[in-house]
Amino acid sequence: MILVRDVMAKSVKTIKVDDSVFDAVVKMNKFDIGSVIVMNGNRPVGIITGKNVLTKVVEPRIDPTLIRAKDAMSSPLVTVNADSTIEEAAVTMSRKHIKKLAVLEKDKLVGVISTSDIVKANPAQISILQELLKIS
């Protein structure tokens, strides 16, 4: 049994709710990542992904320096416990039609797990792959 904590990315990049979408994109590009977690103080409240930027900023032609993270993020943030199995994470992703989950431990953000992390951890588990394929 493989746990989320064993395969999650532990270096989580975050921005504040009042940071601009431009700030989010700069951070995503700097670290070559597809999303950042949006924080309200010490509490994770949302996520900004490349898709959020495209649909909420680029397509409507809004200046990314003028739109706040809280106005472009996906919320509520879907999370998983660090002690959950990767199967449980895959089912959550499939049901919510998402590719990333924030990982919490005692209500504290400790990581992010993606569909890629799960596949890399154990590609032989067909049931997990079937769940993940439902997302695409």
N, C-alpha and C. Protein backbone atom coordinates (compact mmCIF):
# COMPACT_ATOMS: atom_id res chain seq x y z
N MET A 1 0.85 -1.18 0.00
CA MET A 1 0.00 0.00 0.00
C MET A 1 0.90 1.25 0.00
N ILE A 2 0.71 2.09 -0.99
CA ILE A 2 1.51 3.30 -1.13
C ILE A 2 0.69 4.49 -0.64
N LEU A 3 1.29 5.27 0.23
CA LEU A 3 0.60 6.44 0.79
C LEU A 3 0.91 7.70 0.00
N VAL A 4 0.00 8.65 0.06
CA VAL A 4 0.18 9.94 -0.61
C VAL A 4 1.50 10.57 -0.19
N ARG A 5 1.81 10.53 1.10
CA ARG A 5 3.03 11.16 1.61
C ARG A 5 4.30 10.61 0.96
N ASP A 6 4.23 9.38 0.46
CA ASP A 6 5.40 8.74 -0.15
C ASP A 6 5.68 9.22 -1.56
N VAL A 7 4.68 9.80 -2.24
CA VAL A 7 4.88 10.19 -3.63
C VAL A 7 4.59 11.65 -3.92
N MET A 8 4.07 12.39 -2.95
CA MET A 8 3.70 13.80 -3.17
C MET A 8 4.93 14.67 -3.35
N ALA A 9 4.74 15.80 -4.01
CA ALA A 9 5.79 16.82 -4.09
C ALA A 9 5.73 17.59 -2.77
N LYS A 10 6.86 17.67 -2.10
CA LYS A 10 6.88 18.31 -0.78
C LYS A 10 7.21 19.79 -0.86
N SER A 11 7.78 20.21 -1.96
CA SER A 11 8.13 21.62 -2.14
C SER A 11 6.95 22.33 -2.81
N VAL A 12 6.04 22.82 -2.00
CA VAL A 12 4.82 23.44 -2.50
C VAL A 12 5.04 24.94 -2.69
N LYS A 13 4.68 25.42 -3.87
CA LYS A 13 4.78 26.84 -4.15
C LYS A 13 3.42 27.48 -3.92
N THR A 14 3.44 28.59 -3.21
CA THR A 14 2.19 29.25 -2.83
C THR A 14 2.23 30.73 -3.18
N ILE A 15 1.04 31.31 -3.22
CA ILE A 15 0.89 32.76 -3.33
C ILE A 15 -0.23 33.17 -2.38
N LYS A 16 -0.33 34.45 -2.13
CA LYS A 16 -1.37 34.96 -1.25
C LYS A 16 -2.61 35.31 -2.05
N VAL A 17 -3.77 35.34 -1.38
CA VAL A 17 -5.03 35.61 -2.06
C VAL A 17 -5.03 36.96 -2.78
N ASP A 18 -4.29 37.93 -2.27
CA ASP A 18 -4.27 39.26 -2.88
C ASP A 18 -3.12 39.48 -3.86
N ASP A 19 -2.27 38.46 -4.06
CA ASP A 19 -1.24 38.55 -5.09
C ASP A 19 -1.93 38.55 -6.45
N SER A 20 -1.26 39.08 -7.45
CA SER A 20 -1.84 39.11 -8.79
C SER A 20 -1.66 37.78 -9.50
N VAL A 21 -2.46 37.56 -10.53
CA VAL A 21 -2.29 36.38 -11.36
C VAL A 21 -0.93 36.44 -12.05
N PHE A 22 -0.47 37.63 -12.36
CA PHE A 22 0.87 37.77 -12.95
C PHE A 22 1.91 37.18 -11.99
N ASP A 23 1.78 37.47 -10.69
CA ASP A 23 2.71 36.91 -9.69
C ASP A 23 2.67 35.37 -9.72
N ALA A 24 1.47 34.84 -9.86
CA ALA A 24 1.31 33.38 -9.91
C ALA A 24 2.02 32.80 -11.13
N VAL A 25 1.83 33.44 -12.28
CA VAL A 25 2.45 32.96 -13.52
C VAL A 25 3.97 33.05 -13.44
N VAL A 26 4.48 34.12 -12.89
CA VAL A 26 5.93 34.27 -12.73
C VAL A 26 6.48 33.11 -11.89
N LYS A 27 5.80 32.81 -10.80
CA LYS A 27 6.25 31.72 -9.92
C LYS A 27 6.14 30.37 -10.63
N MET A 28 5.05 30.16 -11.35
CA MET A 28 4.88 28.90 -12.08
C MET A 28 5.98 28.73 -13.13
N ASN A 29 6.30 29.80 -13.83
CA ASN A 29 7.37 29.73 -14.84
C ASN A 29 8.74 29.54 -14.20
N LYS A 30 9.00 30.26 -13.12
CA LYS A 30 10.30 30.18 -12.44
C LYS A 30 10.60 28.75 -11.99
N PHE A 31 9.58 28.07 -11.46
CA PHE A 31 9.80 26.73 -10.92
C PHE A 31 9.34 25.62 -11.87
N ASP A 32 8.92 26.01 -13.09
CA ASP A 32 8.48 25.06 -14.11
C ASP A 32 7.41 24.11 -13.55
N ILE A 33 6.36 24.73 -13.00
CA ILE A 33 5.25 23.98 -12.42
C ILE A 33 3.94 24.43 -13.05
N GLY A 34 2.91 23.61 -12.92
CA GLY A 34 1.65 23.90 -13.57
C GLY A 34 0.61 24.55 -12.68
N SER A 35 0.96 24.76 -11.40
CA SER A 35 -0.02 25.37 -10.50
C SER A 35 0.67 25.90 -9.25
N VAL A 36 -0.06 26.78 -8.56
CA VAL A 36 0.36 27.27 -7.25
C VAL A 36 -0.85 27.22 -6.33
N ILE A 37 -0.60 26.96 -5.07
CA ILE A 37 -1.66 26.95 -4.07
C ILE A 37 -1.85 28.37 -3.55
N VAL A 38 -3.10 28.79 -3.42
CA VAL A 38 -3.42 30.13 -2.94
C VAL A 38 -3.71 30.05 -1.44
N MET A 39 -3.02 30.90 -0.69
CA MET A 39 -3.11 30.88 0.77
C MET A 39 -3.80 32.14 1.29
N ASN A 40 -4.61 31.95 2.32
CA ASN A 40 -5.18 33.05 3.08
C ASN A 40 -4.59 32.91 4.48
N GLY A 41 -3.53 33.67 4.73
CA GLY A 41 -2.76 33.46 5.96
C GLY A 41 -2.05 32.12 5.86
N ASN A 42 -2.28 31.26 6.85
CA ASN A 42 -1.68 29.92 6.85
C ASN A 42 -2.61 28.86 6.30
N ARG A 43 -3.76 29.27 5.77
CA ARG A 43 -4.77 28.33 5.30
C ARG A 43 -4.81 28.27 3.78
N PRO A 44 -4.66 27.07 3.19
CA PRO A 44 -4.80 26.94 1.74
C PRO A 44 -6.27 27.05 1.36
N VAL A 45 -6.58 27.93 0.40
CA VAL A 45 -7.99 28.17 0.05
C VAL A 45 -8.31 27.94 -1.42
N GLY A 46 -7.30 27.78 -2.25
CA GLY A 46 -7.56 27.59 -3.67
C GLY A 46 -6.30 27.19 -4.41
N ILE A 47 -6.47 27.03 -5.72
CA ILE A 47 -5.34 26.68 -6.58
C ILE A 47 -5.48 27.45 -7.89
N ILE A 48 -4.37 27.93 -8.39
CA ILE A 48 -4.33 28.53 -9.72
C ILE A 48 -3.53 27.60 -10.61
N THR A 49 -4.17 27.19 -11.70
CA THR A 49 -3.53 26.32 -12.68
C THR A 49 -3.39 27.07 -14.00
N GLY A 50 -2.66 26.48 -14.91
CA GLY A 50 -2.55 27.08 -16.24
C GLY A 50 -3.92 27.25 -16.88
N LYS A 51 -4.81 26.31 -16.64
CA LYS A 51 -6.17 26.42 -17.20
C LYS A 51 -6.90 27.62 -16.63
N ASN A 52 -6.74 27.88 -15.33
CA ASN A 52 -7.36 29.06 -14.73
C ASN A 52 -6.89 30.33 -15.43
N VAL A 53 -5.60 30.40 -15.68
CA VAL A 53 -5.03 31.58 -16.33
C VAL A 53 -5.62 31.75 -17.72
N LEU A 54 -5.70 30.66 -18.46
CA LEU A 54 -6.24 30.74 -19.81
C LEU A 54 -7.70 31.15 -19.84
N THR A 55 -8.52 30.54 -18.97
CA THR A 55 -9.95 30.79 -19.03
C THR A 55 -10.38 32.08 -18.32
N LYS A 56 -9.67 32.46 -17.27
CA LYS A 56 -10.12 33.61 -16.48
C LYS A 56 -9.34 34.89 -16.73
N VAL A 57 -8.23 34.78 -17.47
CA VAL A 57 -7.40 35.96 -17.72
C VAL A 57 -7.12 36.16 -19.20
N VAL A 58 -6.57 35.15 -19.86
CA VAL A 58 -6.17 35.29 -21.26
C VAL A 58 -7.37 35.43 -22.19
N GLU A 59 -8.31 34.48 -22.11
CA GLU A 59 -9.46 34.54 -23.03
C GLU A 59 -10.28 35.83 -22.87
N PRO A 60 -10.59 36.27 -21.65
CA PRO A 60 -11.33 37.53 -21.53
C PRO A 60 -10.45 38.78 -21.68
N ARG A 61 -9.15 38.57 -21.94
CA ARG A 61 -8.21 39.66 -22.17
C ARG A 61 -8.11 40.63 -20.99
N ILE A 62 -7.93 40.05 -19.81
CA ILE A 62 -7.76 40.86 -18.60
C ILE A 62 -6.27 40.97 -18.31
N ASP A 63 -5.83 42.14 -17.94
CA ASP A 63 -4.43 42.36 -17.57
C ASP A 63 -4.13 41.52 -16.33
N PRO A 64 -3.17 40.58 -16.41
CA PRO A 64 -2.89 39.68 -15.28
C PRO A 64 -2.35 40.41 -14.04
N THR A 65 -1.90 41.63 -14.21
CA THR A 65 -1.44 42.39 -13.04
C THR A 65 -2.60 43.00 -12.29
N LEU A 66 -3.79 43.03 -12.92
CA LEU A 66 -4.95 43.66 -12.30
C LEU A 66 -5.91 42.68 -11.63
N ILE A 67 -5.78 41.40 -11.92
CA ILE A 67 -6.69 40.41 -11.32
C ILE A 67 -5.98 39.69 -10.18
N ARG A 68 -6.66 39.61 -9.05
CA ARG A 68 -6.11 38.98 -7.85
C ARG A 68 -6.26 37.46 -7.93
N ALA A 69 -5.38 36.78 -7.23
CA ALA A 69 -5.42 35.31 -7.18
C ALA A 69 -6.78 34.82 -6.73
N LYS A 70 -7.37 35.48 -5.73
CA LYS A 70 -8.66 35.04 -5.20
C LYS A 70 -9.77 35.10 -6.25
N ASP A 71 -9.59 35.92 -7.28
CA ASP A 71 -10.59 36.06 -8.33
C ASP A 71 -10.37 35.11 -9.50
N ALA A 72 -9.24 34.44 -9.54
CA ALA A 72 -8.93 33.53 -10.65
C ALA A 72 -8.77 32.09 -10.20
N MET A 73 -8.68 31.86 -8.90
CA MET A 73 -8.39 30.52 -8.40
C MET A 73 -9.61 29.59 -8.49
N SER A 74 -9.32 28.31 -8.49
CA SER A 74 -10.36 27.30 -8.32
C SER A 74 -10.54 27.10 -6.83
N SER A 75 -11.79 27.16 -6.39
CA SER A 75 -12.08 27.05 -4.97
C SER A 75 -13.49 26.47 -4.83
N PRO A 76 -13.76 25.69 -3.81
CA PRO A 76 -12.90 25.34 -2.69
C PRO A 76 -11.79 24.39 -3.14
N LEU A 77 -10.70 24.45 -2.42
CA LEU A 77 -9.54 23.62 -2.70
C LEU A 77 -9.86 22.17 -2.35
N VAL A 78 -9.60 21.28 -3.27
CA VAL A 78 -9.81 19.85 -3.02
C VAL A 78 -8.53 19.30 -2.42
N THR A 79 -8.68 18.60 -1.30
CA THR A 79 -7.51 18.13 -0.57
C THR A 79 -7.57 16.64 -0.31
N VAL A 80 -6.44 16.11 0.12
CA VAL A 80 -6.33 14.73 0.54
C VAL A 80 -5.39 14.70 1.74
N ASN A 81 -5.59 13.76 2.62
CA ASN A 81 -4.73 13.61 3.78
C ASN A 81 -3.44 12.91 3.38
N ALA A 82 -2.34 13.30 3.99
CA ALA A 82 -1.04 12.71 3.67
C ALA A 82 -1.01 11.21 3.93
N ASP A 83 -1.83 10.72 4.85
CA ASP A 83 -1.86 9.30 5.18
C ASP A 83 -2.85 8.50 4.33
N SER A 84 -3.51 9.14 3.38
CA SER A 84 -4.41 8.43 2.47
C SER A 84 -3.59 7.61 1.50
N THR A 85 -4.21 6.60 0.91
CA THR A 85 -3.52 5.80 -0.10
C THR A 85 -3.59 6.53 -1.44
N ILE A 86 -2.70 6.17 -2.34
CA ILE A 86 -2.75 6.80 -3.66
C ILE A 86 -4.00 6.38 -4.41
N GLU A 87 -4.56 5.22 -4.07
CA GLU A 87 -5.84 4.81 -4.67
C GLU A 87 -6.94 5.79 -4.27
N GLU A 88 -6.97 6.17 -3.00
CA GLU A 88 -7.97 7.13 -2.52
C GLU A 88 -7.79 8.48 -3.21
N ALA A 89 -6.55 8.90 -3.38
CA ALA A 89 -6.28 10.16 -4.08
C ALA A 89 -6.77 10.09 -5.52
N ALA A 90 -6.51 8.97 -6.19
CA ALA A 90 -6.93 8.81 -7.58
C ALA A 90 -8.44 8.85 -7.72
N VAL A 91 -9.15 8.23 -6.78
CA VAL A 91 -10.61 8.24 -6.81
C VAL A 91 -11.12 9.67 -6.63
N THR A 92 -10.54 10.41 -5.71
CA THR A 92 -10.93 11.81 -5.48
C THR A 92 -10.70 12.64 -6.74
N MET A 93 -9.54 12.48 -7.36
CA MET A 93 -9.24 13.21 -8.59
C MET A 93 -10.25 12.87 -9.68
N SER A 94 -10.57 11.60 -9.80
CA SER A 94 -11.51 11.17 -10.83
C SER A 94 -12.90 11.75 -10.58
N ARG A 95 -13.36 11.68 -9.37
CA ARG A 95 -14.70 12.18 -9.05
C ARG A 95 -14.82 13.68 -9.23
N LYS A 96 -13.74 14.40 -8.94
CA LYS A 96 -13.76 15.86 -9.03
C LYS A 96 -13.28 16.37 -10.39
N HIS A 97 -12.80 15.45 -11.24
CA HIS A 97 -12.29 15.80 -12.57
C HIS A 97 -11.14 16.80 -12.48
N ILE A 98 -10.17 16.49 -11.61
CA ILE A 98 -9.00 17.34 -11.44
C ILE A 98 -7.74 16.50 -11.50
N LYS A 99 -6.60 17.17 -11.67
CA LYS A 99 -5.34 16.45 -11.83
C LYS A 99 -4.36 16.69 -10.69
N LYS A 100 -4.73 17.54 -9.74
CA LYS A 100 -3.84 17.83 -8.60
C LYS A 100 -4.66 17.96 -7.34
N LEU A 101 -4.08 17.50 -6.24
CA LEU A 101 -4.70 17.64 -4.93
C LEU A 101 -3.70 18.26 -3.97
N ALA A 102 -4.16 19.19 -3.16
CA ALA A 102 -3.34 19.69 -2.07
C ALA A 102 -3.32 18.62 -0.99
N VAL A 103 -2.18 18.43 -0.37
CA VAL A 103 -2.03 17.40 0.66
C VAL A 103 -1.93 18.08 2.02
N LEU A 104 -2.82 17.65 2.93
CA LEU A 104 -2.85 18.24 4.26
C LEU A 104 -2.48 17.21 5.31
N GLU A 105 -1.91 17.74 6.40
CA GLU A 105 -1.63 16.93 7.58
C GLU A 105 -1.97 17.82 8.77
N LYS A 106 -2.98 17.43 9.52
CA LYS A 106 -3.48 18.24 10.64
C LYS A 106 -3.80 19.66 10.18
N ASP A 107 -4.52 19.76 9.07
CA ASP A 107 -4.95 21.03 8.49
C ASP A 107 -3.81 21.92 8.00
N LYS A 108 -2.59 21.39 7.93
CA LYS A 108 -1.44 22.15 7.43
C LYS A 108 -1.07 21.62 6.04
N LEU A 109 -0.81 22.54 5.10
CA LEU A 109 -0.39 22.17 3.75
C LEU A 109 1.02 21.58 3.80
N VAL A 110 1.16 20.33 3.34
CA VAL A 110 2.46 19.67 3.39
C VAL A 110 2.94 19.18 2.02
N GLY A 111 2.07 19.28 1.00
CA GLY A 111 2.48 18.82 -0.31
C GLY A 111 1.38 18.95 -1.35
N VAL A 112 1.71 18.50 -2.54
CA VAL A 112 0.77 18.43 -3.66
C VAL A 112 1.01 17.10 -4.35
N ILE A 113 -0.07 16.44 -4.73
CA ILE A 113 0.06 15.19 -5.49
C ILE A 113 -0.69 15.35 -6.80
N SER A 114 -0.07 14.87 -7.86
CA SER A 114 -0.66 14.98 -9.20
C SER A 114 -0.88 13.59 -9.78
N THR A 115 -1.63 13.55 -10.86
CA THR A 115 -1.84 12.28 -11.55
C THR A 115 -0.50 11.69 -11.98
N SER A 116 0.43 12.54 -12.40
CA SER A 116 1.75 12.05 -12.81
C SER A 116 2.49 11.39 -11.66
N ASP A 117 2.39 11.98 -10.46
CA ASP A 117 3.04 11.39 -9.29
C ASP A 117 2.51 9.98 -9.01
N ILE A 118 1.20 9.83 -9.16
CA ILE A 118 0.58 8.54 -8.88
C ILE A 118 1.02 7.50 -9.91
N VAL A 119 1.03 7.89 -11.17
CA VAL A 119 1.43 6.95 -12.22
C VAL A 119 2.90 6.55 -12.06
N LYS A 120 3.76 7.51 -11.74
CA LYS A 120 5.19 7.21 -11.53
C LYS A 120 5.39 6.27 -10.35
N ALA A 121 4.55 6.40 -9.33
CA ALA A 121 4.71 5.60 -8.11
C ALA A 121 4.46 4.13 -8.34
N ASN A 122 3.48 3.81 -9.18
CA ASN A 122 3.14 2.40 -9.39
C ASN A 122 2.30 2.23 -10.64
N PRO A 123 2.93 2.30 -11.80
CA PRO A 123 2.17 2.22 -13.05
C PRO A 123 1.51 0.87 -13.30
N ALA A 124 1.87 -0.13 -12.54
CA ALA A 124 1.31 -1.46 -12.76
C ALA A 124 -0.09 -1.61 -12.18
N GLN A 125 -0.50 -0.69 -11.34
CA GLN A 125 -1.82 -0.82 -10.72
C GLN A 125 -2.89 -0.30 -11.68
N ILE A 126 -3.51 -1.22 -12.37
CA ILE A 126 -4.49 -0.88 -13.40
C ILE A 126 -5.67 -0.09 -12.83
N SER A 127 -6.11 -0.41 -11.64
CA SER A 127 -7.28 0.28 -11.09
C SER A 127 -7.01 1.77 -10.93
N ILE A 128 -5.81 2.13 -10.53
CA ILE A 128 -5.47 3.54 -10.38
C ILE A 128 -5.45 4.20 -11.76
N LEU A 129 -4.83 3.56 -12.71
CA LEU A 129 -4.75 4.11 -14.05
C LEU A 129 -6.14 4.30 -14.65
N GLN A 130 -7.04 3.38 -14.40
CA GLN A 130 -8.40 3.50 -14.91
C GLN A 130 -9.08 4.73 -14.30
N GLU A 131 -8.89 4.97 -13.02
CA GLU A 131 -9.47 6.15 -12.38
C GLU A 131 -8.90 7.42 -12.99
N LEU A 132 -7.60 7.42 -13.20
CA LEU A 132 -6.95 8.62 -13.74
C LEU A 132 -7.36 8.89 -15.19
N LEU A 133 -7.61 7.83 -15.94
CA LEU A 133 -8.04 8.00 -17.32
C LEU A 133 -9.40 8.65 -17.42
N LYS A 134 -10.22 8.49 -16.40
CA LYS A 134 -11.54 9.12 -16.40
C LYS A 134 -11.44 10.63 -16.35
N ILE A 135 -10.30 11.16 -15.87
CA ILE A 135 -10.09 12.60 -15.74
C ILE A 135 -9.88 13.23 -17.11
N SER A 136 -9.14 12.57 -17.96
CA SER A 136 -8.74 13.15 -19.25
C SER A 136 -9.87 13.40 -20.19
